[in-house]
């Protein structure tokens, strides 16, 4: 069954961060995406929901907020991908886990490549912290927004935790 056009219309807002502009994508009152590029085909809009998410992300970048309470929804992705994305919330702030750990955690111990592919499609990075997943040898591995962004997020969390913020 085809969805009505009005159900598919989303909107976005912008947040200036130390990493550059973040585009926060919403569908109804749920955050459905965090991107480093302007989303096409939807309008800029400021709402209570966008203000709340911007507040939480500003606290993350300013004071090292460790948990997010904003309402999120995955509007795309397979059941496996959604399971992987949800599991990301189990990785504590300023800590890392390996792709292998993630695979074991979701019940597919040999599916670390599939986990990596799912992480590359994570539509809500930072809130669902895929940057905290690294290779078993300690190297960073991939990141959909680039290795430099991943490195900066990990360093930010590490130094924020050390400073006690």
C-alpha atoms as a PDB file:
ATOM      1  CA  UNK A   1       0.000   0.000   0.000  1.00  0.00           C
ATOM      2  CA  UNK A   2       1.375   3.371  -0.970  1.00  0.00           C
ATOM      3  CA  UNK A   3       1.666   5.971   1.799  1.00  0.00           C
ATOM      4  CA  UNK A   4       0.008   9.321   1.404  1.00  0.00           C
ATOM      5  CA  UNK A   5       2.341  12.112   0.390  1.00  0.00           C
ATOM      6  CA  UNK A   6       1.638  14.093   3.580  1.00  0.00           C
ATOM      7  CA  UNK A   7       2.958  11.200   5.706  1.00  0.00           C
ATOM      8  CA  UNK A   8       6.317  11.297   3.913  1.00  0.00           C
ATOM      9  CA  UNK A   9       6.982  15.020   4.160  1.00  0.00           C
ATOM     10  CA  UNK A  10       9.720  15.839   6.622  1.00  0.00           C
ATOM     11  CA  UNK A  11      11.601  18.965   7.586  1.00  0.00           C
ATOM     12  CA  UNK A  12      15.001  19.907   8.912  1.00  0.00           C
ATOM     13  CA  UNK A  13      16.799  22.413  11.096  1.00  0.00           C
ATOM     14  CA  UNK A  14      20.465  23.393  11.287  1.00  0.00           C
ATOM     15  CA  UNK A  15      22.911  23.339  14.188  1.00  0.00           C
ATOM     16  CA  UNK A  16      26.370  24.889  14.011  1.00  0.00           C
ATOM     17  CA  UNK A  17      28.829  22.620  15.865  1.00  0.00           C
ATOM     18  CA  UNK A  18      32.599  22.348  16.296  1.00  0.00           C
ATOM     19  CA  UNK A  19      32.460  19.761  13.482  1.00  0.00           C
ATOM     20  CA  UNK A  20      30.591  22.090  11.131  1.00  0.00           C
ATOM     21  CA  UNK A  21      26.937  22.356  10.282  1.00  0.00           C
ATOM     22  CA  UNK A  22      24.673  19.488  11.275  1.00  0.00           C
ATOM     23  CA  UNK A  23      21.371  19.051   9.510  1.00  0.00           C
ATOM     24  CA  UNK A  24      18.727  17.569  11.791  1.00  0.00           C
ATOM     25  CA  UNK A  25      16.020  15.787   9.831  1.00  0.00           C
ATOM     26  CA  UNK A  26      12.559  15.194  11.267  1.00  0.00           C
ATOM     27  CA  UNK A  27       9.445  13.313  10.250  1.00  0.00           C
ATOM     28  CA  UNK A  28       6.493  14.391  12.329  1.00  0.00           C
ATOM     29  CA  UNK A  29       7.946  14.986  15.795  1.00  0.00           C
ATOM     30  CA  UNK A  30      10.725  12.382  15.550  1.00  0.00           C
ATOM     31  CA  UNK A  31      14.385  12.924  14.705  1.00  0.00           C
ATOM     32  CA  UNK A  32      15.075  10.611  11.765  1.00  0.00           C
ATOM     33  CA  UNK A  33      18.449  11.848  10.585  1.00  0.00           C
ATOM     34  CA  UNK A  34      21.624  13.723  11.451  1.00  0.00           C
ATOM     35  CA  UNK A  35      23.663  14.672   8.405  1.00  0.00           C
ATOM     36  CA  UNK A  36      26.642  16.803   7.442  1.00  0.00           C
ATOM     37  CA  UNK A  37      25.013  17.759   4.145  1.00  0.00           C
ATOM     38  CA  UNK A  38      21.813  19.677   3.525  1.00  0.00           C
ATOM     39  CA  UNK A  39      18.922  17.297   2.850  1.00  0.00           C
ATOM     40  CA  UNK A  40      17.218  17.663  -0.508  1.00  0.00           C
ATOM     41  CA  UNK A  41      13.525  18.005  -1.064  1.00  0.00           C
ATOM     42  CA  UNK A  42      12.436  19.125   2.398  1.00  0.00           C
ATOM     43  CA  UNK A  43      12.046  22.506   4.029  1.00  0.00           C
ATOM     44  CA  UNK A  44      13.862  24.253   6.846  1.00  0.00           C
ATOM     45  CA  UNK A  45      11.546  24.510   9.836  1.00  0.00           C
ATOM     46  CA  UNK A  46      11.955  25.371  13.519  1.00  0.00           C
ATOM     47  CA  UNK A  47       9.699  23.592  16.016  1.00  0.00           C
ATOM     48  CA  UNK A  48       9.703  22.594  19.672  1.00  0.00           C
ATOM     49  CA  UNK A  49      11.157  19.252  18.595  1.00  0.00           C
ATOM     50  CA  UNK A  50      14.016  20.836  16.662  1.00  0.00           C
ATOM     51  CA  UNK A  51      14.750  23.169  19.591  1.00  0.00           C
ATOM     52  CA  UNK A  52      14.878  20.226  22.009  1.00  0.00           C
ATOM     53  CA  UNK A  53      17.270  18.196  19.835  1.00  0.00           C
ATOM     54  CA  UNK A  54      19.455  21.265  19.238  1.00  0.00           C
ATOM     55  CA  UNK A  55      19.603  21.848  23.012  1.00  0.00           C
ATOM     56  CA  UNK A  56      20.717  18.271  23.671  1.00  0.00           C
ATOM     57  CA  UNK A  57      23.350  18.328  20.918  1.00  0.00           C
ATOM     58  CA  UNK A  58      24.609  21.735  22.081  1.00  0.00           C
ATOM     59  CA  UNK A  59      25.007  20.239  25.568  1.00  0.00           C
ATOM     60  CA  UNK A  60      26.857  17.272  24.055  1.00  0.00           C
ATOM     61  CA  UNK A  61      29.335  19.523  22.262  1.00  0.00           C
ATOM     62  CA  UNK A  62      29.562  22.028  25.122  1.00  0.00           C
ATOM     63  CA  UNK A  63      29.515  19.997  28.305  1.00  0.00           C
ATOM     64  CA  UNK A  64      29.801  16.416  27.153  1.00  0.00           C
ATOM     65  CA  UNK A  65      26.159  15.358  27.529  1.00  0.00           C
ATOM     66  CA  UNK A  66      26.270  11.600  27.812  1.00  0.00           C
ATOM     67  CA  UNK A  67      22.693  10.525  27.137  1.00  0.00           C
ATOM     68  CA  UNK A  68      20.080  11.749  24.699  1.00  0.00           C
ATOM     69  CA  UNK A  69      16.375  11.742  25.456  1.00  0.00           C
ATOM     70  CA  UNK A  70      15.077  13.181  22.189  1.00  0.00           C
ATOM     71  CA  UNK A  71      12.477  11.187  20.302  1.00  0.00           C
ATOM     72  CA  UNK A  72      13.974   9.264  17.394  1.00  0.00           C
ATOM     73  CA  UNK A  73      12.643   6.944  14.722  1.00  0.00           C
ATOM     74  CA  UNK A  74      14.275   4.810  12.070  1.00  0.00           C
ATOM     75  CA  UNK A  75      12.172   5.265   8.944  1.00  0.00           C
ATOM     76  CA  UNK A  76      14.388   3.025   6.807  1.00  0.00           C
ATOM     77  CA  UNK A  77      16.637   0.038   7.347  1.00  0.00           C
ATOM     78  CA  UNK A  78      16.329  -3.695   7.759  1.00  0.00           C
ATOM     79  CA  UNK A  79      15.483  -5.321  11.077  1.00  0.00           C
ATOM     80  CA  UNK A  80      19.161  -6.287  11.419  1.00  0.00           C
ATOM     81  CA  UNK A  81      20.330  -2.706  10.769  1.00  0.00           C
ATOM     82  CA  UNK A  82      17.860  -1.322  13.312  1.00  0.00           C
ATOM     83  CA  UNK A  83      19.058  -3.876  15.871  1.00  0.00           C
ATOM     84  CA  UNK A  84      22.662  -2.802  15.283  1.00  0.00           C
ATOM     85  CA  UNK A  85      21.743   0.891  15.569  1.00  0.00           C
ATOM     86  CA  UNK A  86      19.782   0.352  18.785  1.00  0.00           C
ATOM     87  CA  UNK A  87      22.703  -1.583  20.282  1.00  0.00           C
ATOM     88  CA  UNK A  88      24.959   1.444  19.836  1.00  0.00           C
ATOM     89  CA  UNK A  89      23.286   3.063  22.855  1.00  0.00           C
ATOM     90  CA  UNK A  90      24.904   0.376  25.036  1.00  0.00           C
ATOM     91  CA  UNK A  91      28.386   1.766  24.372  1.00  0.00           C
ATOM     92  CA  UNK A  92      29.256   4.157  27.205  1.00  0.00           C
ATOM     93  CA  UNK A  93      30.311   7.730  26.522  1.00  0.00           C
ATOM     94  CA  UNK A  94      34.022   8.081  25.669  1.00  0.00           C
ATOM     95  CA  UNK A  95      34.490   4.322  25.335  1.00  0.00           C
ATOM     96  CA  UNK A  96      34.865   2.187  22.247  1.00  0.00           C
ATOM     97  CA  UNK A  97      33.839  -1.283  21.221  1.00  0.00           C
ATOM     98  CA  UNK A  98      34.868  -3.366  18.242  1.00  0.00           C
ATOM     99  CA  UNK A  99      32.873  -4.468  15.229  1.00  0.00           C
ATOM    100  CA  UNK A 100      33.299  -8.012  16.551  1.00  0.00           C
ATOM    101  CA  UNK A 101      31.819  -6.997  19.935  1.00  0.00           C
ATOM    102  CA  UNK A 102      28.864  -5.451  18.125  1.00  0.00           C
ATOM    103  CA  UNK A 103      28.345  -8.618  16.074  1.00  0.00           C
ATOM    104  CA  UNK A 104      28.374 -10.756  19.210  1.00  0.00           C
ATOM    105  CA  UNK A 105      26.052  -8.326  21.008  1.00  0.00           C
ATOM    106  CA  UNK A 106      23.421  -8.574  18.257  1.00  0.00           C
ATOM    107  CA  UNK A 107      23.668 -12.373  18.225  1.00  0.00           C
ATOM    108  CA  UNK A 108      25.609 -12.827  14.968  1.00  0.00           C
ATOM    109  CA  UNK A 109      29.197 -13.364  16.111  1.00  0.00           C
ATOM    110  CA  UNK A 110      30.671 -13.728  12.621  1.00  0.00           C
ATOM    111  CA  UNK A 111      28.714 -10.887  11.018  1.00  0.00           C
ATOM    112  CA  UNK A 112      31.172  -8.091  11.809  1.00  0.00           C
ATOM    113  CA  UNK A 113      31.253  -7.011   8.153  1.00  0.00           C
ATOM    114  CA  UNK A 114      27.458  -6.830   8.095  1.00  0.00           C
ATOM    115  CA  UNK A 115      27.656  -4.801  11.300  1.00  0.00           C
ATOM    116  CA  UNK A 116      30.116  -2.446   9.595  1.00  0.00           C
ATOM    117  CA  UNK A 117      27.763  -2.064   6.641  1.00  0.00           C
ATOM    118  CA  UNK A 118      24.855  -1.329   8.989  1.00  0.00           C
ATOM    119  CA  UNK A 119      26.905   1.258  10.869  1.00  0.00           C
ATOM    120  CA  UNK A 120      27.752   2.946   7.572  1.00  0.00           C
ATOM    121  CA  UNK A 121      24.016   3.425   7.013  1.00  0.00           C
ATOM    122  CA  UNK A 122      23.267   4.741  10.521  1.00  0.00           C
ATOM    123  CA  UNK A 123      20.898   7.646   9.838  1.00  0.00           C
ATOM    124  CA  UNK A 124      21.233   9.221  13.296  1.00  0.00           C
ATOM    125  CA  UNK A 125      24.953   9.393  14.136  1.00  0.00           C
ATOM    126  CA  UNK A 126      26.110  10.968  17.409  1.00  0.00           C
ATOM    127  CA  UNK A 127      22.716  10.200  19.023  1.00  0.00           C
ATOM    128  CA  UNK A 128      23.322   6.557  18.064  1.00  0.00           C
ATOM    129  CA  UNK A 129      27.124   6.679  18.509  1.00  0.00           C
ATOM    130  CA  UNK A 130      28.541   4.602  15.662  1.00  0.00           C
ATOM    131  CA  UNK A 131      31.767   6.608  15.990  1.00  0.00           C
ATOM    132  CA  UNK A 132      32.511   4.522  19.111  1.00  0.00           C
ATOM    133  CA  UNK A 133      32.942   1.330  17.087  1.00  0.00           C
ATOM    134  CA  UNK A 134      36.510   0.579  15.996  1.00  0.00           C
ATOM    135  CA  UNK A 135      38.559  -2.248  14.501  1.00  0.00           C
ATOM    136  CA  UNK A 136      39.885  -5.067  16.726  1.00  0.00           C
ATOM    137  CA  UNK A 137      43.451  -3.838  16.182  1.00  0.00           C
ATOM    138  CA  UNK A 138      42.560  -0.400  17.570  1.00  0.00           C
ATOM    139  CA  UNK A 139      42.412   1.385  14.214  1.00  0.00           C
ATOM    140  CA  UNK A 140      39.416   3.600  13.596  1.00  0.00           C
ATOM    141  CA  UNK A 141      37.730   1.757  10.761  1.00  0.00           C
ATOM    142  CA  UNK A 142      35.247   3.570   8.569  1.00  0.00           C
ATOM    143  CA  UNK A 143      32.771   6.335   9.254  1.00  0.00           C
ATOM    144  CA  UNK A 144      30.081   7.572   6.915  1.00  0.00           C
ATOM    145  CA  UNK A 145      31.109  11.211   7.426  1.00  0.00           C
ATOM    146  CA  UNK A 146      34.811  10.481   7.149  1.00  0.00           C
ATOM    147  CA  UNK A 147      37.564   9.218   9.396  1.00  0.00           C
ATOM    148  CA  UNK A 148      38.541  12.733  10.513  1.00  0.00           C
ATOM    149  CA  UNK A 149      35.038  13.390  11.932  1.00  0.00           C
ATOM    150  CA  UNK A 150      35.164  10.029  13.738  1.00  0.00           C
ATOM    151  CA  UNK A 151      38.574  10.844  15.203  1.00  0.00           C
ATOM    152  CA  UNK A 152      37.396  14.277  16.356  1.00  0.00           C
ATOM    153  CA  UNK A 153      34.283  12.846  18.040  1.00  0.00           C
ATOM    154  CA  UNK A 154      36.326  10.209  19.885  1.00  0.00           C
ATOM    155  CA  UNK A 155      38.952  12.758  20.962  1.00  0.00           C
ATOM    156  CA  UNK A 156      36.259  15.203  22.067  1.00  0.00           C
ATOM    157  CA  UNK A 157      34.573  12.583  24.263  1.00  0.00           C
ATOM    158  CA  UNK A 158      37.874  11.359  25.691  1.00  0.00           C
ATOM    159  CA  UNK A 159      39.116  14.826  26.653  1.00  0.00           C
ATOM    160  CA  UNK A 160      35.708  15.952  27.915  1.00  0.00           C
ATOM    161  CA  UNK A 161      35.590  12.914  30.208  1.00  0.00           C
ATOM    162  CA  UNK A 162      39.131  13.584  31.448  1.00  0.00           C
ATOM    163  CA  UNK A 163      38.322  17.200  32.233  1.00  0.00           C
ATOM    164  CA  UNK A 164      35.279  16.122  34.249  1.00  0.00           C
ATOM    165  CA  UNK A 165      32.830  18.187  32.215  1.00  0.00           C
END
